[in-house]
Amino acid sequence: MPLFPVFVNLKDKEVLVVGGGSVATRKVKTLLAFGPRITVVAPQVSPDLAKLHKQGKIKLRKRKFKTCDLRGKFAVIVAVDDQNLQREIFKEAQRRGILCNSVDLPEACSFFFASLITKGDLVIAVSTSGKVPALARALREKIERSLPENAQAILEELHDLRSSLPKGEERQKILIGEARKMV
């Protein structure tokens, strides 16, 4: 069954990343652009994660995961190879009402990372509902190549126009017409 896409405001939300390798690093770098407060828990971390910690961009706990690490978290990303640990964290996250993504273990996920295109405030997400992330990536790359270079400028111009128009169907018609001309 397809998953319903939702865009969530992560600004200042507490996000836990369990794991310190290349996949965890990639997830952290993706998340940082959306403003959460990230804590990484792992006995060892990549040089990039260590650098992000040194720069004050993430918190770092160099040790194994403890259940108490979930306290106060909005979401958890489990980027470890140990599937038993992934399942354990997922069950505890579910019990606490915390969103959970376990890398490469769809049955231990309450959400999936989409393949993202981000150009300023424009965000386009492509998902295969966790079935074939490589297809989502290939489609994202194709879509990305087709976008106008000035997508953020178009967004800003249309936002200004939208702010100057009264709400209603007429505003929608005008904005759709202008958007079609610009892209």
N, C-alpha and C. Protein backbone atom coordinates (compact mmCIF):
# COMPACT_ATOMS: atom_id res chain seq x y z
N MET A 1 0.84 -1.17 0.00
CA MET A 1 0.00 0.00 0.00
C MET A 1 0.89 1.24 0.00
N PRO A 2 0.56 2.25 -0.81
CA PRO A 2 1.38 3.46 -0.81
C PRO A 2 1.26 4.22 0.51
N LEU A 3 2.30 4.96 0.84
CA LEU A 3 2.30 5.77 2.06
C LEU A 3 1.90 7.20 1.74
N PHE A 4 1.20 7.83 2.65
CA PHE A 4 0.78 9.21 2.49
C PHE A 4 1.94 10.14 2.79
N PRO A 5 2.34 11.01 1.86
CA PRO A 5 3.45 11.92 2.12
C PRO A 5 3.02 13.06 3.04
N VAL A 6 3.85 13.37 3.99
CA VAL A 6 3.59 14.46 4.93
C VAL A 6 4.88 15.27 5.07
N PHE A 7 4.77 16.58 5.00
CA PHE A 7 5.91 17.45 5.24
C PHE A 7 5.80 17.95 6.67
N VAL A 8 6.81 17.68 7.47
CA VAL A 8 6.79 17.95 8.90
C VAL A 8 7.79 19.05 9.23
N ASN A 9 7.38 19.98 10.08
CA ASN A 9 8.29 21.02 10.56
C ASN A 9 9.20 20.39 11.62
N LEU A 10 10.48 20.24 11.30
CA LEU A 10 11.43 19.65 12.24
C LEU A 10 12.22 20.69 13.04
N LYS A 11 11.97 21.97 12.78
CA LYS A 11 12.74 23.01 13.46
C LYS A 11 12.65 22.83 14.97
N ASP A 12 13.83 22.71 15.59
CA ASP A 12 13.99 22.56 17.04
C ASP A 12 13.38 21.29 17.63
N LYS A 13 12.99 20.33 16.78
CA LYS A 13 12.51 19.04 17.29
C LYS A 13 13.72 18.19 17.65
N GLU A 14 13.59 17.38 18.68
CA GLU A 14 14.66 16.49 19.13
C GLU A 14 14.65 15.22 18.28
N VAL A 15 15.76 14.96 17.60
CA VAL A 15 15.88 13.78 16.75
C VAL A 15 17.11 12.99 17.21
N LEU A 16 16.92 11.70 17.39
CA LEU A 16 18.00 10.80 17.78
C LEU A 16 18.44 9.99 16.57
N VAL A 17 19.74 9.89 16.35
CA VAL A 17 20.30 9.02 15.33
C VAL A 17 21.17 7.99 16.04
N VAL A 18 20.82 6.72 15.87
CA VAL A 18 21.59 5.64 16.48
C VAL A 18 22.46 5.05 15.39
N GLY A 19 23.77 5.17 15.56
CA GLY A 19 24.73 4.71 14.57
C GLY A 19 25.63 5.86 14.17
N GLY A 20 26.85 5.52 13.77
CA GLY A 20 27.81 6.57 13.46
C GLY A 20 28.54 6.38 12.15
N GLY A 21 28.06 5.48 11.31
CA GLY A 21 28.74 5.19 10.04
C GLY A 21 28.29 6.08 8.90
N SER A 22 28.54 5.63 7.68
CA SER A 22 28.27 6.44 6.50
C SER A 22 26.77 6.69 6.29
N VAL A 23 25.93 5.70 6.57
CA VAL A 23 24.49 5.90 6.41
C VAL A 23 23.97 6.90 7.44
N ALA A 24 24.40 6.75 8.68
CA ALA A 24 24.00 7.71 9.73
C ALA A 24 24.46 9.11 9.37
N THR A 25 25.67 9.22 8.85
CA THR A 25 26.21 10.52 8.44
C THR A 25 25.34 11.14 7.35
N ARG A 26 24.97 10.36 6.37
CA ARG A 26 24.12 10.86 5.28
C ARG A 26 22.76 11.32 5.81
N LYS A 27 22.18 10.56 6.72
CA LYS A 27 20.88 10.94 7.29
C LYS A 27 21.00 12.23 8.10
N VAL A 28 22.06 12.35 8.89
CA VAL A 28 22.27 13.57 9.69
C VAL A 28 22.41 14.78 8.78
N LYS A 29 23.21 14.65 7.73
CA LYS A 29 23.42 15.77 6.81
C LYS A 29 22.11 16.18 6.14
N THR A 30 21.28 15.21 5.78
CA THR A 30 19.98 15.52 5.19
C THR A 30 19.10 16.26 6.19
N LEU A 31 19.06 15.75 7.42
CA LEU A 31 18.20 16.35 8.44
C LEU A 31 18.61 17.76 8.84
N LEU A 32 19.90 18.03 8.88
CA LEU A 32 20.39 19.32 9.36
C LEU A 32 19.77 20.50 8.62
N ALA A 33 19.50 20.34 7.34
CA ALA A 33 18.93 21.43 6.55
C ALA A 33 17.53 21.82 7.02
N PHE A 34 16.90 20.97 7.83
CA PHE A 34 15.52 21.20 8.27
C PHE A 34 15.42 21.64 9.73
N GLY A 35 16.56 21.87 10.38
CA GLY A 35 16.60 22.52 11.68
C GLY A 35 16.30 21.75 12.95
N PRO A 36 16.37 20.41 12.96
CA PRO A 36 16.14 19.72 14.24
C PRO A 36 17.38 19.79 15.13
N ARG A 37 17.18 19.46 16.39
CA ARG A 37 18.30 19.29 17.32
C ARG A 37 18.63 17.80 17.29
N ILE A 38 19.80 17.47 16.80
CA ILE A 38 20.17 16.07 16.56
C ILE A 38 21.16 15.59 17.61
N THR A 39 20.86 14.41 18.15
CA THR A 39 21.80 13.71 19.03
C THR A 39 22.16 12.39 18.35
N VAL A 40 23.45 12.13 18.23
CA VAL A 40 23.93 10.88 17.66
C VAL A 40 24.48 10.03 18.79
N VAL A 41 24.05 8.77 18.82
CA VAL A 41 24.56 7.81 19.81
C VAL A 41 25.23 6.66 19.07
N ALA A 42 26.53 6.49 19.31
CA ALA A 42 27.29 5.41 18.68
C ALA A 42 28.64 5.31 19.36
N PRO A 43 29.15 4.08 19.51
CA PRO A 43 30.49 3.93 20.10
C PRO A 43 31.58 4.59 19.26
N GLN A 44 31.42 4.56 17.94
CA GLN A 44 32.38 5.18 17.02
C GLN A 44 31.59 5.95 15.97
N VAL A 45 32.16 7.09 15.53
CA VAL A 45 31.48 7.89 14.52
C VAL A 45 32.43 8.26 13.39
N SER A 46 31.84 8.57 12.26
CA SER A 46 32.61 8.98 11.09
C SER A 46 33.31 10.31 11.37
N PRO A 47 34.37 10.60 10.63
CA PRO A 47 35.03 11.91 10.78
C PRO A 47 34.08 13.08 10.53
N ASP A 48 33.14 12.92 9.60
CA ASP A 48 32.18 13.99 9.33
C ASP A 48 31.27 14.25 10.53
N LEU A 49 30.82 13.19 11.19
CA LEU A 49 29.98 13.37 12.38
C LEU A 49 30.78 14.01 13.51
N ALA A 50 32.02 13.58 13.67
CA ALA A 50 32.89 14.18 14.69
C ALA A 50 33.06 15.67 14.42
N LYS A 51 33.22 16.03 13.15
CA LYS A 51 33.38 17.44 12.77
C LYS A 51 32.10 18.22 13.06
N LEU A 52 30.95 17.66 12.72
CA LEU A 52 29.68 18.33 12.99
C LEU A 52 29.49 18.56 14.49
N HIS A 53 29.93 17.59 15.29
CA HIS A 53 29.85 17.74 16.74
C HIS A 53 30.78 18.86 17.21
N LYS A 54 31.99 18.87 16.70
CA LYS A 54 32.97 19.89 17.07
C LYS A 54 32.47 21.28 16.70
N GLN A 55 31.73 21.38 15.59
CA GLN A 55 31.16 22.65 15.14
C GLN A 55 29.90 23.04 15.92
N GLY A 56 29.44 22.16 16.81
CA GLY A 56 28.26 22.45 17.60
C GLY A 56 26.94 22.22 16.87
N LYS A 57 26.99 21.50 15.76
CA LYS A 57 25.78 21.28 14.97
C LYS A 57 24.98 20.07 15.44
N ILE A 58 25.65 19.14 16.13
CA ILE A 58 24.97 17.96 16.68
C ILE A 58 25.53 17.67 18.06
N LYS A 59 24.74 16.94 18.86
CA LYS A 59 25.24 16.40 20.12
C LYS A 59 25.74 14.99 19.84
N LEU A 60 26.70 14.56 20.61
CA LEU A 60 27.29 13.25 20.37
C LEU A 60 27.45 12.51 21.70
N ARG A 61 26.97 11.26 21.73
CA ARG A 61 27.15 10.36 22.87
C ARG A 61 27.92 9.15 22.34
N LYS A 62 29.24 9.08 22.64
CA LYS A 62 30.08 7.99 22.12
C LYS A 62 29.96 6.78 23.04
N ARG A 63 28.88 6.04 22.80
CA ARG A 63 28.60 4.83 23.56
C ARG A 63 27.48 4.07 22.85
N LYS A 64 27.17 2.90 23.40
CA LYS A 64 26.06 2.12 22.85
C LYS A 64 24.73 2.77 23.22
N PHE A 65 23.70 2.46 22.43
CA PHE A 65 22.35 2.95 22.66
C PHE A 65 21.82 2.46 24.00
N LYS A 66 21.11 3.34 24.70
CA LYS A 66 20.37 3.00 25.92
C LYS A 66 18.93 3.44 25.70
N THR A 67 17.99 2.70 26.24
CA THR A 67 16.57 3.03 26.07
C THR A 67 16.27 4.46 26.51
N CYS A 68 16.96 4.93 27.52
CA CYS A 68 16.72 6.30 28.00
C CYS A 68 17.08 7.36 26.96
N ASP A 69 17.84 6.99 25.93
CA ASP A 69 18.17 7.94 24.87
C ASP A 69 16.93 8.42 24.12
N LEU A 70 15.85 7.64 24.18
CA LEU A 70 14.61 8.00 23.49
C LEU A 70 13.80 9.07 24.22
N ARG A 71 14.12 9.30 25.46
CA ARG A 71 13.35 10.26 26.27
C ARG A 71 13.30 11.63 25.61
N GLY A 72 12.09 12.13 25.39
CA GLY A 72 11.89 13.47 24.85
C GLY A 72 12.14 13.62 23.37
N LYS A 73 12.30 12.52 22.66
CA LYS A 73 12.60 12.59 21.23
C LYS A 73 11.32 12.61 20.40
N PHE A 74 11.37 13.35 19.31
CA PHE A 74 10.28 13.42 18.34
C PHE A 74 10.41 12.26 17.34
N ALA A 75 11.65 11.96 16.95
CA ALA A 75 11.90 10.90 15.96
C ALA A 75 13.26 10.26 16.24
N VAL A 76 13.39 9.02 15.76
CA VAL A 76 14.66 8.30 15.88
C VAL A 76 14.97 7.64 14.54
N ILE A 77 16.23 7.75 14.14
CA ILE A 77 16.71 7.07 12.94
C ILE A 77 17.71 6.03 13.42
N VAL A 78 17.48 4.77 13.07
CA VAL A 78 18.34 3.68 13.50
C VAL A 78 19.16 3.24 12.29
N ALA A 79 20.44 3.63 12.30
CA ALA A 79 21.33 3.36 11.16
C ALA A 79 22.45 2.44 11.61
N VAL A 80 22.05 1.23 12.01
CA VAL A 80 23.01 0.21 12.44
C VAL A 80 22.71 -1.08 11.67
N ASP A 81 23.70 -1.97 11.60
CA ASP A 81 23.51 -3.24 10.89
C ASP A 81 22.76 -4.28 11.72
N ASP A 82 22.71 -4.11 13.02
CA ASP A 82 22.10 -5.08 13.93
C ASP A 82 20.57 -4.99 13.85
N GLN A 83 19.96 -5.94 13.12
CA GLN A 83 18.50 -5.90 12.94
C GLN A 83 17.74 -6.14 14.23
N ASN A 84 18.31 -6.90 15.14
CA ASN A 84 17.65 -7.09 16.44
C ASN A 84 17.57 -5.78 17.20
N LEU A 85 18.64 -5.00 17.16
CA LEU A 85 18.63 -3.69 17.80
C LEU A 85 17.64 -2.76 17.10
N GLN A 86 17.59 -2.83 15.78
CA GLN A 86 16.62 -2.02 15.04
C GLN A 86 15.20 -2.33 15.49
N ARG A 87 14.88 -3.62 15.59
CA ARG A 87 13.53 -4.03 16.01
C ARG A 87 13.24 -3.60 17.46
N GLU A 88 14.23 -3.74 18.32
CA GLU A 88 14.07 -3.35 19.73
C GLU A 88 13.78 -1.85 19.85
N ILE A 89 14.55 -1.04 19.14
CA ILE A 89 14.35 0.41 19.20
C ILE A 89 13.01 0.78 18.58
N PHE A 90 12.64 0.13 17.47
CA PHE A 90 11.35 0.41 16.84
C PHE A 90 10.20 0.12 17.80
N LYS A 91 10.23 -1.03 18.46
CA LYS A 91 9.15 -1.38 19.40
C LYS A 91 9.06 -0.36 20.53
N GLU A 92 10.19 0.05 21.07
CA GLU A 92 10.18 1.03 22.15
C GLU A 92 9.71 2.40 21.65
N ALA A 93 10.13 2.77 20.45
CA ALA A 93 9.69 4.04 19.87
C ALA A 93 8.17 4.02 19.66
N GLN A 94 7.65 2.92 19.15
CA GLN A 94 6.20 2.80 18.96
C GLN A 94 5.47 2.95 20.29
N ARG A 95 5.98 2.27 21.31
CA ARG A 95 5.35 2.33 22.63
C ARG A 95 5.30 3.76 23.16
N ARG A 96 6.31 4.56 22.82
CA ARG A 96 6.40 5.94 23.31
C ARG A 96 5.79 6.96 22.34
N GLY A 97 5.32 6.52 21.19
CA GLY A 97 4.74 7.44 20.22
C GLY A 97 5.79 8.27 19.48
N ILE A 98 6.97 7.69 19.27
CA ILE A 98 8.07 8.37 18.60
C ILE A 98 8.18 7.82 17.18
N LEU A 99 8.30 8.70 16.20
CA LEU A 99 8.50 8.27 14.83
C LEU A 99 9.84 7.53 14.72
N CYS A 100 9.87 6.45 13.92
CA CYS A 100 11.10 5.66 13.82
C CYS A 100 11.36 5.23 12.38
N ASN A 101 12.61 5.40 11.96
CA ASN A 101 13.08 4.92 10.68
C ASN A 101 14.27 4.01 10.93
N SER A 102 14.13 2.74 10.57
CA SER A 102 15.22 1.78 10.69
C SER A 102 15.74 1.51 9.29
N VAL A 103 16.98 1.88 9.05
CA VAL A 103 17.56 1.80 7.72
C VAL A 103 17.56 0.35 7.22
N ASP A 104 17.03 0.15 6.03
CA ASP A 104 16.98 -1.15 5.36
C ASP A 104 16.19 -2.22 6.10
N LEU A 105 15.24 -1.79 6.95
CA LEU A 105 14.36 -2.75 7.62
C LEU A 105 12.95 -2.14 7.65
N PRO A 106 12.24 -2.19 6.50
CA PRO A 106 10.95 -1.51 6.38
C PRO A 106 9.93 -1.89 7.45
N GLU A 107 9.95 -3.14 7.90
CA GLU A 107 8.97 -3.55 8.91
C GLU A 107 9.24 -2.91 10.28
N ALA A 108 10.39 -2.27 10.44
CA ALA A 108 10.71 -1.58 11.70
C ALA A 108 10.75 -0.07 11.48
N CYS A 109 9.83 0.41 10.63
CA CYS A 109 9.76 1.84 10.33
C CYS A 109 8.32 2.35 10.47
N SER A 110 8.18 3.52 11.04
CA SER A 110 6.88 4.20 11.01
C SER A 110 6.91 5.31 9.96
N PHE A 111 8.09 5.58 9.39
CA PHE A 111 8.21 6.51 8.26
C PHE A 111 9.46 6.15 7.47
N PHE A 112 9.49 6.63 6.22
CA PHE A 112 10.63 6.42 5.35
C PHE A 112 11.18 7.77 4.92
N PHE A 113 12.48 7.82 4.65
CA PHE A 113 13.09 8.99 4.06
C PHE A 113 12.76 8.97 2.57
N ALA A 114 12.24 10.06 2.07
CA ALA A 114 12.02 10.18 0.64
C ALA A 114 13.33 10.64 -0.01
N SER A 115 13.42 10.49 -1.30
CA SER A 115 14.53 11.04 -2.05
C SER A 115 14.16 12.50 -2.32
N LEU A 116 14.97 13.43 -1.83
CA LEU A 116 14.58 14.84 -1.79
C LEU A 116 15.32 15.71 -2.80
N ILE A 117 14.57 16.67 -3.32
CA ILE A 117 15.13 17.79 -4.07
C ILE A 117 14.81 19.00 -3.21
N THR A 118 15.84 19.77 -2.85
CA THR A 118 15.65 20.96 -2.03
C THR A 118 16.30 22.14 -2.72
N LYS A 119 15.51 23.12 -3.04
CA LYS A 119 16.00 24.38 -3.63
C LYS A 119 15.36 25.50 -2.83
N GLY A 120 16.04 25.91 -1.76
CA GLY A 120 15.47 26.91 -0.86
C GLY A 120 14.24 26.33 -0.18
N ASP A 121 13.11 27.02 -0.31
CA ASP A 121 11.87 26.55 0.31
C ASP A 121 11.12 25.53 -0.53
N LEU A 122 11.58 25.30 -1.75
CA LEU A 122 10.96 24.29 -2.61
C LEU A 122 11.54 22.93 -2.24
N VAL A 123 10.65 22.02 -1.84
CA VAL A 123 11.07 20.67 -1.49
C VAL A 123 10.17 19.70 -2.27
N ILE A 124 10.80 18.82 -3.03
CA ILE A 124 10.08 17.81 -3.79
C ILE A 124 10.57 16.46 -3.28
N ALA A 125 9.63 15.60 -2.94
CA ALA A 125 9.98 14.28 -2.40
C ALA A 125 9.47 13.18 -3.31
N VAL A 126 10.31 12.16 -3.51
CA VAL A 126 9.94 11.00 -4.31
C VAL A 126 10.11 9.77 -3.43
N SER A 127 9.08 8.94 -3.39
CA SER A 127 9.13 7.75 -2.54
C SER A 127 8.55 6.55 -3.26
N THR A 128 9.08 5.39 -2.95
CA THR A 128 8.52 4.13 -3.42
C THR A 128 7.91 3.37 -2.24
N SER A 129 7.55 4.12 -1.19
CA SER A 129 7.00 3.54 0.04
C SER A 129 7.93 2.49 0.64
N GLY A 130 9.22 2.72 0.49
CA GLY A 130 10.22 1.85 1.08
C GLY A 130 10.57 0.62 0.26
N LYS A 131 9.93 0.44 -0.88
CA LYS A 131 10.14 -0.79 -1.65
C LYS A 131 11.45 -0.79 -2.44
N VAL A 132 11.74 0.29 -3.18
CA VAL A 132 12.94 0.34 -4.01
C VAL A 132 13.51 1.77 -3.95
N PRO A 133 14.26 2.09 -2.90
CA PRO A 133 14.82 3.44 -2.79
C PRO A 133 15.68 3.85 -3.99
N ALA A 134 16.32 2.90 -4.65
CA ALA A 134 17.15 3.23 -5.82
C ALA A 134 16.30 3.81 -6.95
N LEU A 135 15.08 3.33 -7.12
CA LEU A 135 14.18 3.88 -8.14
C LEU A 135 13.79 5.31 -7.76
N ALA A 136 13.49 5.53 -6.49
CA ALA A 136 13.15 6.89 -6.04
C ALA A 136 14.30 7.84 -6.33
N ARG A 137 15.52 7.39 -6.09
CA ARG A 137 16.69 8.24 -6.36
C ARG A 137 16.82 8.55 -7.85
N ALA A 138 16.67 7.53 -8.69
CA ALA A 138 16.79 7.73 -10.14
C ALA A 138 15.72 8.71 -10.63
N LEU A 139 14.51 8.57 -10.15
CA LEU A 139 13.43 9.49 -10.54
C LEU A 139 13.71 10.90 -10.03
N ARG A 140 14.21 11.00 -8.80
CA ARG A 140 14.55 12.32 -8.24
C ARG A 140 15.58 13.01 -9.12
N GLU A 141 16.60 12.27 -9.51
CA GLU A 141 17.66 12.85 -10.35
C GLU A 141 17.10 13.35 -11.67
N LYS A 142 16.17 12.59 -12.26
CA LYS A 142 15.56 12.99 -13.53
C LYS A 142 14.72 14.25 -13.34
N ILE A 143 13.92 14.29 -12.28
CA ILE A 143 13.09 15.47 -11.99
C ILE A 143 13.98 16.68 -11.74
N GLU A 144 15.04 16.48 -10.97
CA GLU A 144 15.94 17.57 -10.61
C GLU A 144 16.54 18.22 -11.86
N ARG A 145 16.91 17.41 -12.83
CA ARG A 145 17.49 17.94 -14.07
C ARG A 145 16.48 18.78 -14.84
N SER A 146 15.18 18.52 -14.66
CA SER A 146 14.15 19.24 -15.43
C SER A 146 13.69 20.54 -14.76
N LEU A 147 14.12 20.80 -13.54
CA LEU A 147 13.69 22.01 -12.84
C LEU A 147 14.41 23.24 -13.35
N PRO A 148 13.72 24.38 -13.38
CA PRO A 148 14.41 25.61 -13.77
C PRO A 148 15.47 25.98 -12.75
N GLU A 149 16.57 26.54 -13.23
CA GLU A 149 17.67 26.95 -12.35
C GLU A 149 17.20 27.96 -11.29
N ASN A 150 16.26 28.81 -11.67
CA ASN A 150 15.80 29.88 -10.79
C ASN A 150 14.54 29.50 -10.01
N ALA A 151 14.40 28.24 -9.65
CA ALA A 151 13.19 27.76 -8.97
C ALA A 151 12.90 28.54 -7.69
N GLN A 152 13.92 28.85 -6.90
CA GLN A 152 13.70 29.60 -5.66
C GLN A 152 13.23 31.02 -5.96
N ALA A 153 13.79 31.66 -6.97
CA ALA A 153 13.36 33.01 -7.35
C ALA A 153 11.90 33.00 -7.81
N ILE A 154 11.51 31.98 -8.58
CA ILE A 154 10.12 31.84 -9.01
C ILE A 154 9.22 31.70 -7.79
N LEU A 155 9.62 30.86 -6.86
CA LEU A 155 8.84 30.67 -5.64
C LEU A 155 8.64 32.00 -4.90
N GLU A 156 9.71 32.76 -4.75
CA GLU A 156 9.63 34.05 -4.03
C GLU A 156 8.71 35.02 -4.76
N GLU A 157 8.84 35.09 -6.07
CA GLU A 157 8.00 36.01 -6.85
C GLU A 157 6.52 35.63 -6.73
N LEU A 158 6.22 34.35 -6.83
CA LEU A 158 4.84 33.90 -6.70
C LEU A 158 4.32 34.08 -5.27
N HIS A 159 5.19 33.93 -4.30
CA HIS A 159 4.79 34.17 -2.90
C HIS A 159 4.39 35.62 -2.70
N ASP A 160 5.19 36.54 -3.27
CA ASP A 160 4.86 37.96 -3.18
C ASP A 160 3.52 38.25 -3.85
N LEU A 161 3.31 37.67 -5.03
CA LEU A 161 2.05 37.86 -5.75
C LEU A 161 0.89 37.31 -4.92
N ARG A 162 1.07 36.13 -4.37
CA ARG A 162 0.03 35.49 -3.56
C ARG A 162 -0.36 36.37 -2.38
N SER A 163 0.65 36.98 -1.74
CA SER A 163 0.40 37.83 -0.58
C SER A 163 -0.41 39.08 -0.95
N SER A 164 -0.34 39.49 -2.22
CA SER A 164 -1.04 40.71 -2.64
C SER A 164 -2.47 40.45 -3.12
N LEU A 165 -2.84 39.19 -3.24
CA LEU A 165 -4.16 38.85 -3.76
C LEU A 165 -5.11 38.39 -2.66
N PRO A 166 -6.41 38.70 -2.79
CA PRO A 166 -7.37 38.20 -1.79
C PRO A 166 -7.53 36.68 -1.93
N LYS A 167 -7.81 36.03 -0.80
CA LYS A 167 -8.01 34.58 -0.81
C LYS A 167 -9.20 34.21 -1.69
N GLY A 168 -9.14 32.99 -2.21
CA GLY A 168 -10.26 32.49 -2.97
C GLY A 168 -9.85 31.82 -4.26
N GLU A 169 -10.87 31.38 -5.00
CA GLU A 169 -10.63 30.64 -6.24
C GLU A 169 -9.92 31.49 -7.29
N GLU A 170 -10.24 32.77 -7.35
CA GLU A 170 -9.61 33.64 -8.34
C GLU A 170 -8.11 33.72 -8.10
N ARG A 171 -7.70 33.81 -6.83
CA ARG A 171 -6.27 33.84 -6.51
C ARG A 171 -5.59 32.57 -7.01
N GLN A 172 -6.23 31.43 -6.78
CA GLN A 172 -5.66 30.15 -7.24
C GLN A 172 -5.48 30.14 -8.76
N LYS A 173 -6.49 30.61 -9.48
CA LYS A 173 -6.41 30.63 -10.94
C LYS A 173 -5.25 31.51 -11.41
N ILE A 174 -5.14 32.68 -10.81
CA ILE A 174 -4.06 33.60 -11.18
C ILE A 174 -2.70 32.97 -10.91
N LEU A 175 -2.54 32.40 -9.72
CA LEU A 175 -1.25 31.81 -9.34
C LEU A 175 -0.87 30.62 -10.22
N ILE A 176 -1.84 29.79 -10.53
CA ILE A 176 -1.56 28.64 -11.41
C ILE A 176 -1.14 29.13 -12.79
N GLY A 177 -1.85 30.12 -13.30
CA GLY A 177 -1.50 30.69 -14.62
C GLY A 177 -0.10 31.28 -14.62
N GLU A 178 0.23 32.05 -13.60
CA GLU A 178 1.55 32.66 -13.52
C GLU A 178 2.64 31.59 -13.35
N ALA A 179 2.38 30.60 -12.52
CA ALA A 179 3.35 29.52 -12.31
C ALA A 179 3.63 28.79 -13.62
N ARG A 180 2.59 28.53 -14.38
CA ARG A 180 2.76 27.83 -15.67
C ARG A 180 3.61 28.65 -16.63
N LYS A 181 3.43 29.97 -16.62
CA LYS A 181 4.22 30.84 -17.49
C LYS A 181 5.69 30.82 -17.09
N MET A 182 5.95 30.74 -15.78
CA MET A 182 7.31 30.89 -15.26
C MET A 182 8.15 29.62 -15.39
N VAL A 183 7.49 28.47 -15.39
CA VAL A 183 8.27 27.23 -15.47
C VAL A 183 8.24 26.70 -16.88
